[in-house]
Amino acid sequence: MENKKVPAAQEMAEAKKQAAALPGGPAVDMPAGPSELMVIVDRDSAPEIAAADLTDPHAVVRLDFLAGCIYEAMRLWPTTPMLGRVTLTNVEFPGGATVPAGTDVLIHNIFNHRNGDRIDFADRFAPEEWSTGNAGKDWGFNFFSNGPQGCPGAGLAVFLGQAVLARILDKQTPSDRDSG
């Protein structure tokens, strides 16, 4: 039998193929690249986290589902239940009522965030509405406020939350916690 040199990419592709063929084997992506690192995860792993390089801030920012979890927790349990604002111009409502410019207004976040007449997922934890849905475009969800008075640290707060959650979940899954 002849001893042939096999390129590393071919070796990696074969290793992935064999691992995926095992009963209950991991899901793998194909094909392998020349400098690829193979990550094998079990069924309790969060694939989004297992595949991410948690030392790379760009990879952490791309953990969309974790960001959705953070936004959703803030929607359901806002740290600022009400925001105070002052109207800059007259505000006319569809029913004909007018609020004059210069009026102090309280915005009730808990009502806005859980209004079942307006939000299908009002009283359930739905992080997918942020990661793949349209919740981020709804100005009614204003835990960081919106417009010119938006929180300047919003992006940093979500990034840090993603980084902390990813590290926790990378080290321990909910099933690990429940078993011991």
N, C-alpha and C. Protein backbone atom coordinates (compact mmCIF):
# COMPACT_ATOMS: atom_id res chain seq x y z
N MET A 1 0.85 -1.20 0.00
CA MET A 1 0.00 0.00 0.00
C MET A 1 0.88 1.24 0.00
N GLU A 2 0.56 2.12 -0.85
CA GLU A 2 1.33 3.35 -1.02
C GLU A 2 0.93 4.38 0.03
N ASN A 3 1.90 5.04 0.62
CA ASN A 3 1.64 6.07 1.62
C ASN A 3 1.53 7.41 0.89
N LYS A 4 0.32 7.94 0.81
CA LYS A 4 0.10 9.21 0.10
C LYS A 4 -0.10 10.33 1.10
N LYS A 5 0.41 11.49 0.75
CA LYS A 5 0.13 12.68 1.56
C LYS A 5 -1.25 13.20 1.17
N VAL A 6 -2.08 13.42 2.18
CA VAL A 6 -3.43 13.94 1.94
C VAL A 6 -3.47 15.37 2.45
N PRO A 7 -3.94 16.31 1.64
CA PRO A 7 -4.04 17.70 2.10
C PRO A 7 -4.90 17.81 3.37
N ALA A 8 -4.54 18.76 4.22
CA ALA A 8 -5.23 18.93 5.51
C ALA A 8 -6.73 19.14 5.32
N ALA A 9 -7.13 19.86 4.29
CA ALA A 9 -8.56 20.11 4.07
C ALA A 9 -9.30 18.80 3.81
N GLN A 10 -8.66 17.88 3.09
CA GLN A 10 -9.29 16.58 2.83
C GLN A 10 -9.40 15.78 4.12
N GLU A 11 -8.35 15.83 4.95
CA GLU A 11 -8.39 15.12 6.24
C GLU A 11 -9.52 15.67 7.10
N MET A 12 -9.65 16.98 7.15
CA MET A 12 -10.69 17.59 7.97
C MET A 12 -12.07 17.22 7.43
N ALA A 13 -12.25 17.25 6.13
CA ALA A 13 -13.54 16.89 5.55
C ALA A 13 -13.88 15.45 5.88
N GLU A 14 -12.90 14.55 5.81
CA GLU A 14 -13.15 13.14 6.14
C GLU A 14 -13.49 12.99 7.62
N ALA A 15 -12.79 13.69 8.49
CA ALA A 15 -13.08 13.63 9.92
C ALA A 15 -14.50 14.10 10.21
N LYS A 16 -14.90 15.17 9.53
CA LYS A 16 -16.27 15.68 9.71
C LYS A 16 -17.30 14.65 9.23
N LYS A 17 -17.01 14.05 8.10
CA LYS A 17 -17.92 13.06 7.53
C LYS A 17 -18.10 11.89 8.49
N GLN A 18 -16.98 11.40 9.04
CA GLN A 18 -17.04 10.27 9.96
C GLN A 18 -17.74 10.63 11.26
N ALA A 19 -17.49 11.82 11.79
CA ALA A 19 -18.13 12.25 13.04
C ALA A 19 -19.64 12.39 12.84
N ALA A 20 -20.04 12.94 11.70
CA ALA A 20 -21.47 13.13 11.43
C ALA A 20 -22.19 11.80 11.23
N ALA A 21 -21.46 10.76 10.80
CA ALA A 21 -22.07 9.45 10.56
C ALA A 21 -22.30 8.66 11.84
N LEU A 22 -21.70 9.06 12.95
CA LEU A 22 -21.89 8.35 14.22
C LEU A 22 -23.33 8.47 14.68
N PRO A 23 -23.88 7.44 15.35
CA PRO A 23 -25.24 7.56 15.89
C PRO A 23 -25.29 8.74 16.88
N GLY A 24 -26.20 9.65 16.64
CA GLY A 24 -26.30 10.85 17.48
C GLY A 24 -25.13 11.79 17.27
N GLY A 25 -24.40 11.61 16.16
CA GLY A 25 -23.22 12.43 15.88
C GLY A 25 -23.57 13.89 15.67
N PRO A 26 -22.56 14.73 15.71
CA PRO A 26 -22.80 16.17 15.59
C PRO A 26 -23.17 16.59 14.18
N ALA A 27 -23.88 17.69 14.11
CA ALA A 27 -24.12 18.31 12.80
C ALA A 27 -22.85 19.05 12.44
N VAL A 28 -22.44 18.95 11.20
CA VAL A 28 -21.22 19.62 10.77
C VAL A 28 -21.47 20.35 9.47
N ASP A 29 -20.67 21.37 9.24
CA ASP A 29 -20.77 22.08 7.96
C ASP A 29 -19.68 21.54 7.03
N MET A 30 -19.89 21.62 5.77
CA MET A 30 -18.92 21.14 4.79
C MET A 30 -18.73 22.25 3.76
N PRO A 31 -17.68 22.34 3.04
CA PRO A 31 -16.45 21.56 3.12
C PRO A 31 -15.47 22.21 4.07
N ALA A 32 -14.38 21.53 4.38
CA ALA A 32 -13.35 22.05 5.27
C ALA A 32 -12.42 22.98 4.51
N GLY A 33 -11.97 24.01 5.17
CA GLY A 33 -11.00 24.91 4.58
C GLY A 33 -9.60 24.56 5.06
N PRO A 34 -8.57 25.14 4.47
CA PRO A 34 -7.20 24.75 4.81
C PRO A 34 -6.78 25.10 6.24
N SER A 35 -7.38 26.10 6.84
CA SER A 35 -6.98 26.47 8.20
C SER A 35 -8.14 26.30 9.18
N GLU A 36 -9.02 25.38 8.89
CA GLU A 36 -10.23 25.24 9.68
C GLU A 36 -10.00 24.50 10.98
N LEU A 37 -10.68 24.94 12.01
CA LEU A 37 -10.69 24.26 13.29
C LEU A 37 -12.04 23.56 13.40
N MET A 38 -12.03 22.28 13.71
CA MET A 38 -13.29 21.55 13.83
C MET A 38 -13.77 21.63 15.27
N VAL A 39 -15.01 22.06 15.46
CA VAL A 39 -15.62 22.13 16.78
C VAL A 39 -16.73 21.09 16.81
N ILE A 40 -16.66 20.21 17.79
CA ILE A 40 -17.70 19.19 17.95
C ILE A 40 -18.49 19.55 19.19
N VAL A 41 -19.80 19.59 19.05
CA VAL A 41 -20.67 19.95 20.16
C VAL A 41 -21.67 18.82 20.39
N ASP A 42 -22.18 18.74 21.61
CA ASP A 42 -23.18 17.72 21.89
C ASP A 42 -24.57 18.31 21.71
N ARG A 43 -25.61 17.48 21.90
CA ARG A 43 -26.97 17.94 21.61
C ARG A 43 -27.46 19.04 22.55
N ASP A 44 -26.80 19.21 23.71
CA ASP A 44 -27.20 20.25 24.65
C ASP A 44 -26.50 21.57 24.40
N SER A 45 -25.55 21.59 23.49
CA SER A 45 -24.80 22.81 23.21
C SER A 45 -25.63 23.77 22.38
N ALA A 46 -25.37 25.04 22.58
CA ALA A 46 -25.98 26.06 21.73
C ALA A 46 -25.05 26.25 20.54
N PRO A 47 -25.46 25.81 19.35
CA PRO A 47 -24.55 25.86 18.20
C PRO A 47 -24.04 27.25 17.89
N GLU A 48 -24.88 28.26 18.08
CA GLU A 48 -24.46 29.63 17.80
C GLU A 48 -23.26 30.00 18.67
N ILE A 49 -23.27 29.56 19.92
CA ILE A 49 -22.19 29.89 20.85
C ILE A 49 -20.98 29.00 20.61
N ALA A 50 -21.22 27.70 20.41
CA ALA A 50 -20.12 26.76 20.19
C ALA A 50 -19.29 27.14 18.97
N ALA A 51 -19.93 27.69 17.96
CA ALA A 51 -19.23 28.03 16.72
C ALA A 51 -18.52 29.39 16.80
N ALA A 52 -18.84 30.18 17.82
CA ALA A 52 -18.30 31.54 17.90
C ALA A 52 -16.95 31.56 18.61
N ASP A 53 -16.07 32.43 18.16
CA ASP A 53 -14.82 32.70 18.86
C ASP A 53 -15.13 33.79 19.87
N LEU A 54 -15.32 33.39 21.13
CA LEU A 54 -15.76 34.34 22.14
C LEU A 54 -14.68 35.33 22.55
N THR A 55 -13.48 35.18 22.00
CA THR A 55 -12.43 36.17 22.24
C THR A 55 -12.46 37.28 21.20
N ASP A 56 -13.29 37.13 20.18
CA ASP A 56 -13.41 38.10 19.09
C ASP A 56 -14.67 38.93 19.28
N PRO A 57 -14.54 40.23 19.56
CA PRO A 57 -15.74 41.07 19.75
C PRO A 57 -16.70 41.03 18.57
N HIS A 58 -16.18 40.91 17.35
CA HIS A 58 -17.05 40.86 16.17
C HIS A 58 -17.90 39.59 16.19
N ALA A 59 -17.34 38.49 16.68
CA ALA A 59 -18.10 37.24 16.78
C ALA A 59 -19.17 37.35 17.87
N VAL A 60 -18.84 38.00 18.97
CA VAL A 60 -19.80 38.17 20.07
C VAL A 60 -20.99 39.01 19.60
N VAL A 61 -20.71 40.08 18.87
CA VAL A 61 -21.78 40.95 18.37
C VAL A 61 -22.74 40.19 17.45
N ARG A 62 -22.25 39.17 16.77
CA ARG A 62 -23.08 38.40 15.84
C ARG A 62 -23.93 37.34 16.54
N LEU A 63 -23.90 37.25 17.86
CA LEU A 63 -24.73 36.29 18.60
C LEU A 63 -26.13 36.88 18.73
N ASP A 64 -26.85 36.89 17.62
CA ASP A 64 -28.14 37.57 17.53
C ASP A 64 -29.18 37.04 18.51
N PHE A 65 -29.22 35.72 18.70
CA PHE A 65 -30.23 35.17 19.60
C PHE A 65 -29.98 35.63 21.04
N LEU A 66 -28.72 35.71 21.46
CA LEU A 66 -28.43 36.21 22.80
C LEU A 66 -28.82 37.67 22.94
N ALA A 67 -28.56 38.46 21.90
CA ALA A 67 -29.01 39.86 21.94
C ALA A 67 -30.53 39.90 22.05
N GLY A 68 -31.21 39.02 21.31
CA GLY A 68 -32.67 38.95 21.40
C GLY A 68 -33.13 38.61 22.81
N CYS A 69 -32.41 37.73 23.49
CA CYS A 69 -32.76 37.38 24.88
C CYS A 69 -32.63 38.60 25.79
N ILE A 70 -31.59 39.38 25.59
CA ILE A 70 -31.38 40.57 26.42
C ILE A 70 -32.48 41.60 26.15
N TYR A 71 -32.74 41.89 24.88
CA TYR A 71 -33.80 42.84 24.54
C TYR A 71 -35.14 42.37 25.08
N GLU A 72 -35.40 41.08 24.96
CA GLU A 72 -36.69 40.56 25.40
C GLU A 72 -36.85 40.63 26.91
N ALA A 73 -35.78 40.37 27.65
CA ALA A 73 -35.83 40.51 29.11
C ALA A 73 -36.12 41.96 29.49
N MET A 74 -35.52 42.91 28.76
CA MET A 74 -35.78 44.33 29.04
C MET A 74 -37.18 44.74 28.64
N ARG A 75 -37.72 44.10 27.60
CA ARG A 75 -39.10 44.41 27.21
C ARG A 75 -40.07 43.94 28.28
N LEU A 76 -39.88 42.72 28.76
CA LEU A 76 -40.81 42.16 29.74
C LEU A 76 -40.65 42.78 31.12
N TRP A 77 -39.43 43.09 31.52
CA TRP A 77 -39.17 43.65 32.85
C TRP A 77 -38.31 44.90 32.71
N PRO A 78 -38.89 45.99 32.21
CA PRO A 78 -38.08 47.20 31.96
C PRO A 78 -37.52 47.79 33.26
N THR A 79 -36.26 48.20 33.20
CA THR A 79 -35.65 48.84 34.37
C THR A 79 -36.19 50.25 34.58
N THR A 80 -36.74 50.82 33.55
CA THR A 80 -37.35 52.14 33.64
C THR A 80 -38.83 51.98 33.28
N PRO A 81 -39.69 51.81 34.30
CA PRO A 81 -41.11 51.56 34.02
C PRO A 81 -41.80 52.73 33.31
N MET A 82 -41.32 53.97 33.56
CA MET A 82 -41.90 55.13 32.89
C MET A 82 -40.80 56.10 32.49
N LEU A 83 -41.00 56.71 31.33
CA LEU A 83 -40.09 57.75 30.85
C LEU A 83 -40.82 59.09 30.84
N GLY A 84 -40.15 60.13 31.27
CA GLY A 84 -40.73 61.47 31.22
C GLY A 84 -40.20 62.22 30.01
N ARG A 85 -41.08 62.89 29.32
CA ARG A 85 -40.70 63.70 28.16
C ARG A 85 -41.55 64.97 28.14
N VAL A 86 -41.12 65.93 27.33
CA VAL A 86 -41.86 67.17 27.14
C VAL A 86 -42.16 67.27 25.64
N THR A 87 -43.42 67.53 25.30
CA THR A 87 -43.77 67.66 23.88
C THR A 87 -43.14 68.93 23.31
N LEU A 88 -42.58 68.80 22.13
CA LEU A 88 -41.93 69.95 21.49
C LEU A 88 -42.90 70.74 20.62
N THR A 89 -43.90 70.04 20.12
CA THR A 89 -44.93 70.67 19.30
C THR A 89 -46.29 70.18 19.79
N ASN A 90 -47.34 70.75 19.27
CA ASN A 90 -48.67 70.23 19.59
C ASN A 90 -48.77 68.81 19.03
N VAL A 91 -49.36 67.92 19.82
CA VAL A 91 -49.55 66.53 19.38
C VAL A 91 -51.04 66.31 19.22
N GLU A 92 -51.44 65.95 18.02
CA GLU A 92 -52.85 65.70 17.76
C GLU A 92 -53.09 64.20 17.63
N PHE A 93 -54.05 63.69 18.40
CA PHE A 93 -54.39 62.28 18.39
C PHE A 93 -55.51 62.02 17.38
N PRO A 94 -55.60 60.78 16.89
CA PRO A 94 -56.63 60.46 15.89
C PRO A 94 -58.05 60.80 16.33
N GLY A 95 -58.33 60.72 17.63
CA GLY A 95 -59.68 61.03 18.12
C GLY A 95 -59.98 62.51 18.22
N GLY A 96 -58.98 63.36 17.91
CA GLY A 96 -59.21 64.80 17.93
C GLY A 96 -58.59 65.51 19.13
N ALA A 97 -58.17 64.79 20.15
CA ALA A 97 -57.56 65.43 21.32
C ALA A 97 -56.20 65.99 20.94
N THR A 98 -55.86 67.12 21.57
CA THR A 98 -54.57 67.76 21.31
C THR A 98 -53.83 67.95 22.62
N VAL A 99 -52.55 67.65 22.60
CA VAL A 99 -51.67 67.92 23.75
C VAL A 99 -50.79 69.08 23.32
N PRO A 100 -50.86 70.20 24.04
CA PRO A 100 -50.09 71.38 23.61
C PRO A 100 -48.58 71.21 23.78
N ALA A 101 -47.83 71.92 22.95
CA ALA A 101 -46.37 71.94 23.07
C ALA A 101 -45.99 72.37 24.48
N GLY A 102 -44.91 71.78 25.01
CA GLY A 102 -44.44 72.12 26.34
C GLY A 102 -45.09 71.31 27.46
N THR A 103 -45.93 70.36 27.12
CA THR A 103 -46.62 69.54 28.13
C THR A 103 -45.72 68.39 28.57
N ASP A 104 -45.63 68.18 29.90
CA ASP A 104 -44.91 67.01 30.44
C ASP A 104 -45.74 65.77 30.17
N VAL A 105 -45.09 64.72 29.68
CA VAL A 105 -45.78 63.48 29.33
C VAL A 105 -45.02 62.31 29.98
N LEU A 106 -45.76 61.36 30.55
CA LEU A 106 -45.16 60.13 31.06
C LEU A 106 -45.49 59.01 30.09
N ILE A 107 -44.47 58.26 29.69
CA ILE A 107 -44.64 57.12 28.80
C ILE A 107 -44.56 55.87 29.66
N HIS A 108 -45.63 55.11 29.69
CA HIS A 108 -45.72 53.92 30.54
C HIS A 108 -45.17 52.70 29.79
N ASN A 109 -43.89 52.41 30.01
CA ASN A 109 -43.23 51.33 29.28
C ASN A 109 -43.87 49.96 29.51
N ILE A 110 -44.23 49.67 30.73
CA ILE A 110 -44.79 48.34 31.00
C ILE A 110 -46.05 48.12 30.18
N PHE A 111 -46.91 49.12 30.08
CA PHE A 111 -48.10 48.98 29.24
C PHE A 111 -47.71 48.85 27.77
N ASN A 112 -46.84 49.74 27.30
CA ASN A 112 -46.45 49.69 25.89
C ASN A 112 -45.80 48.36 25.51
N HIS A 113 -45.02 47.81 26.41
CA HIS A 113 -44.28 46.59 26.13
C HIS A 113 -45.15 45.33 26.22
N ARG A 114 -46.28 45.42 26.92
CA ARG A 114 -47.11 44.23 27.13
C ARG A 114 -48.56 44.41 26.67
N ASN A 115 -48.78 45.30 25.76
CA ASN A 115 -50.12 45.57 25.26
C ASN A 115 -50.53 44.45 24.29
N GLY A 116 -51.35 43.54 24.79
CA GLY A 116 -51.79 42.39 23.99
C GLY A 116 -52.60 42.76 22.76
N ASP A 117 -53.21 43.94 22.74
CA ASP A 117 -53.95 44.37 21.55
C ASP A 117 -53.01 44.75 20.41
N ARG A 118 -51.78 45.06 20.73
CA ARG A 118 -50.82 45.53 19.75
C ARG A 118 -49.70 44.52 19.48
N ILE A 119 -49.42 43.66 20.46
CA ILE A 119 -48.26 42.77 20.38
C ILE A 119 -48.70 41.32 20.56
N ASP A 120 -48.47 40.50 19.54
CA ASP A 120 -48.86 39.08 19.60
C ASP A 120 -48.14 38.33 20.71
N PHE A 121 -46.92 38.72 21.01
CA PHE A 121 -46.10 38.01 22.00
C PHE A 121 -46.01 38.78 23.31
N ALA A 122 -47.03 39.55 23.63
CA ALA A 122 -47.01 40.49 24.75
C ALA A 122 -46.57 39.86 26.08
N ASP A 123 -47.07 38.69 26.39
CA ASP A 123 -46.80 38.11 27.71
C ASP A 123 -46.02 36.80 27.65
N ARG A 124 -45.20 36.66 26.64
CA ARG A 124 -44.33 35.47 26.58
C ARG A 124 -42.92 35.91 26.20
N PHE A 125 -41.95 35.12 26.60
CA PHE A 125 -40.55 35.38 26.29
C PHE A 125 -40.30 34.99 24.85
N ALA A 126 -40.01 35.95 23.99
CA ALA A 126 -39.91 35.70 22.56
C ALA A 126 -38.65 36.36 21.97
N PRO A 127 -37.45 35.87 22.31
CA PRO A 127 -36.22 36.50 21.79
C PRO A 127 -36.10 36.44 20.28
N GLU A 128 -36.77 35.47 19.66
CA GLU A 128 -36.71 35.37 18.20
C GLU A 128 -37.35 36.58 17.52
N GLU A 129 -38.25 37.27 18.21
CA GLU A 129 -38.85 38.48 17.64
C GLU A 129 -37.81 39.58 17.44
N TRP A 130 -36.72 39.51 18.19
CA TRP A 130 -35.63 40.49 18.06
C TRP A 130 -34.57 39.99 17.09
N SER A 131 -34.26 38.69 17.15
CA SER A 131 -33.16 38.17 16.33
C SER A 131 -33.57 37.94 14.88
N THR A 132 -34.84 37.59 14.64
CA THR A 132 -35.27 37.35 13.26
C THR A 132 -36.56 38.07 12.89
N GLY A 133 -37.20 38.70 13.85
CA GLY A 133 -38.47 39.39 13.59
C GLY A 133 -38.30 40.89 13.48
N ASN A 134 -39.38 41.61 13.73
CA ASN A 134 -39.38 43.07 13.55
C ASN A 134 -39.47 43.86 14.85
N ALA A 135 -39.28 43.22 15.99
CA ALA A 135 -39.43 43.93 17.26
C ALA A 135 -38.48 45.12 17.38
N GLY A 136 -37.28 45.01 16.84
CA GLY A 136 -36.31 46.10 16.94
C GLY A 136 -36.73 47.37 16.23
N LYS A 137 -37.69 47.28 15.32
CA LYS A 137 -38.15 48.46 14.57
C LYS A 137 -39.32 49.16 15.27
N ASP A 138 -39.83 48.58 16.35
CA ASP A 138 -41.01 49.11 17.03
C ASP A 138 -40.59 50.12 18.10
N TRP A 139 -40.87 51.39 17.87
CA TRP A 139 -40.50 52.43 18.82
C TRP A 139 -41.31 52.35 20.11
N GLY A 140 -42.33 51.54 20.15
CA GLY A 140 -43.07 51.34 21.39
C GLY A 140 -42.24 50.61 22.43
N PHE A 141 -41.22 49.87 22.00
CA PHE A 141 -40.30 49.21 22.93
C PHE A 141 -39.15 50.19 23.15
N ASN A 142 -39.22 50.90 24.26
CA ASN A 142 -38.27 52.00 24.44
C ASN A 142 -37.50 51.91 25.75
N PHE A 143 -37.05 50.72 26.11
CA PHE A 143 -36.28 50.56 27.35
C PHE A 143 -34.97 51.32 27.30
N PHE A 144 -34.42 51.55 26.11
CA PHE A 144 -33.23 52.39 25.95
C PHE A 144 -33.61 53.77 25.43
N SER A 145 -34.89 54.05 25.34
CA SER A 145 -35.44 55.26 24.75
C SER A 145 -35.15 55.25 23.26
N ASN A 146 -35.63 56.23 22.57
CA ASN A 146 -35.47 56.31 21.12
C ASN A 146 -35.21 57.74 20.72
N GLY A 147 -34.80 57.92 19.49
CA GLY A 147 -34.61 59.27 18.97
C GLY A 147 -33.42 59.95 19.59
N PRO A 148 -33.44 61.30 19.64
CA PRO A 148 -32.28 62.05 20.11
C PRO A 148 -31.97 61.83 21.59
N GLN A 149 -32.94 61.32 22.35
CA GLN A 149 -32.69 61.06 23.77
C GLN A 149 -32.43 59.59 24.04
N GLY A 150 -32.08 58.83 23.00
CA GLY A 150 -31.76 57.42 23.18
C GLY A 150 -30.51 57.25 24.03
N CYS A 151 -30.42 56.13 24.69
CA CYS A 151 -29.30 55.84 25.58
C CYS A 151 -28.00 55.69 24.78
N PRO A 152 -26.99 56.49 25.08
CA PRO A 152 -25.74 56.38 24.33
C PRO A 152 -24.98 55.08 24.63
N GLY A 153 -25.31 54.42 25.72
CA GLY A 153 -24.61 53.18 26.09
C GLY A 153 -25.37 51.92 25.72
N ALA A 154 -26.45 52.04 24.93
CA ALA A 154 -27.28 50.88 24.60
C ALA A 154 -26.49 49.77 23.93
N GLY A 155 -25.71 50.11 22.92
CA GLY A 155 -24.92 49.10 22.21
C GLY A 155 -23.92 48.41 23.12
N LEU A 156 -23.27 49.17 23.97
CA LEU A 156 -22.30 48.60 24.91
C LEU A 156 -23.00 47.68 25.91
N ALA A 157 -24.15 48.09 26.41
CA ALA A 157 -24.88 47.26 27.38
C ALA A 157 -25.27 45.92 26.77
N VAL A 158 -25.77 45.93 25.55
CA VAL A 158 -26.17 44.68 24.89
C VAL A 158 -24.94 43.83 24.59
N PHE A 159 -23.87 44.45 24.10
CA PHE A 159 -22.63 43.71 23.82
C PHE A 159 -22.11 43.02 25.08
N LEU A 160 -22.04 43.74 26.18
CA LEU A 160 -21.55 43.14 27.43
C LEU A 160 -22.46 42.01 27.90
N GLY A 161 -23.77 42.21 27.75
CA GLY A 161 -24.72 41.14 28.09
C GLY A 161 -24.50 39.91 27.23
N GLN A 162 -24.29 40.11 25.93
CA GLN A 162 -24.02 38.99 25.03
C GLN A 162 -22.74 38.25 25.45
N ALA A 163 -21.70 39.00 25.75
CA ALA A 163 -20.42 38.40 26.12
C ALA A 163 -20.54 37.59 27.40
N VAL A 164 -21.21 38.14 28.41
CA VAL A 164 -21.38 37.43 29.68
C VAL A 164 -22.23 36.18 29.49
N LEU A 165 -23.38 36.32 28.84
CA LEU A 165 -24.24 35.15 28.62
C LEU A 165 -23.54 34.07 27.81
N ALA A 166 -22.80 34.47 26.78
CA ALA A 166 -22.10 33.48 25.94
C ALA A 166 -21.08 32.72 26.77
N ARG A 167 -20.34 33.41 27.62
CA ARG A 167 -19.34 32.74 28.46
C ARG A 167 -20.02 31.78 29.44
N ILE A 168 -21.11 32.20 30.04
CA ILE A 168 -21.83 31.32 30.98
C ILE A 168 -22.34 30.09 30.24
N LEU A 169 -22.99 30.29 29.11
CA LEU A 169 -23.56 29.16 28.36
C LEU A 169 -22.49 28.28 27.73
N ASP A 170 -21.32 28.86 27.44
CA ASP A 170 -20.22 28.07 26.88
C ASP A 170 -19.67 27.10 27.92
N LYS A 171 -19.75 27.47 29.18
CA LYS A 171 -19.21 26.65 30.26
C LYS A 171 -20.23 25.72 30.89
N GLN A 172 -21.50 26.09 30.84
CA GLN A 172 -22.52 25.29 31.52
C GLN A 172 -23.85 25.45 30.80
N THR A 173 -24.43 24.33 30.43
CA THR A 173 -25.75 24.36 29.80
C THR A 173 -26.81 24.20 30.88
N PRO A 174 -28.05 24.55 30.61
CA PRO A 174 -29.11 24.36 31.61
C PRO A 174 -29.19 22.91 32.11
N SER A 175 -28.93 21.92 31.26
CA SER A 175 -28.99 20.53 31.70
C SER A 175 -27.86 20.24 32.69
N ASP A 176 -26.68 20.87 32.55
CA ASP A 176 -25.59 20.69 33.51
C ASP A 176 -26.02 21.20 34.88
N ARG A 177 -26.65 22.36 34.90
CA ARG A 177 -27.07 22.96 36.15
C ARG A 177 -28.11 22.11 36.85
N ASP A 178 -29.05 21.56 36.07
CA ASP A 178 -30.14 20.79 36.65
C ASP A 178 -29.67 19.46 37.24
N SER A 179 -28.55 18.93 36.75
CA SER A 179 -28.13 17.60 37.18
C SER A 179 -27.19 17.62 38.37
N GLY A 180 -26.80 18.75 38.83
CA GLY A 180 -25.88 18.65 39.93
C GLY A 180 -25.53 19.95 40.50
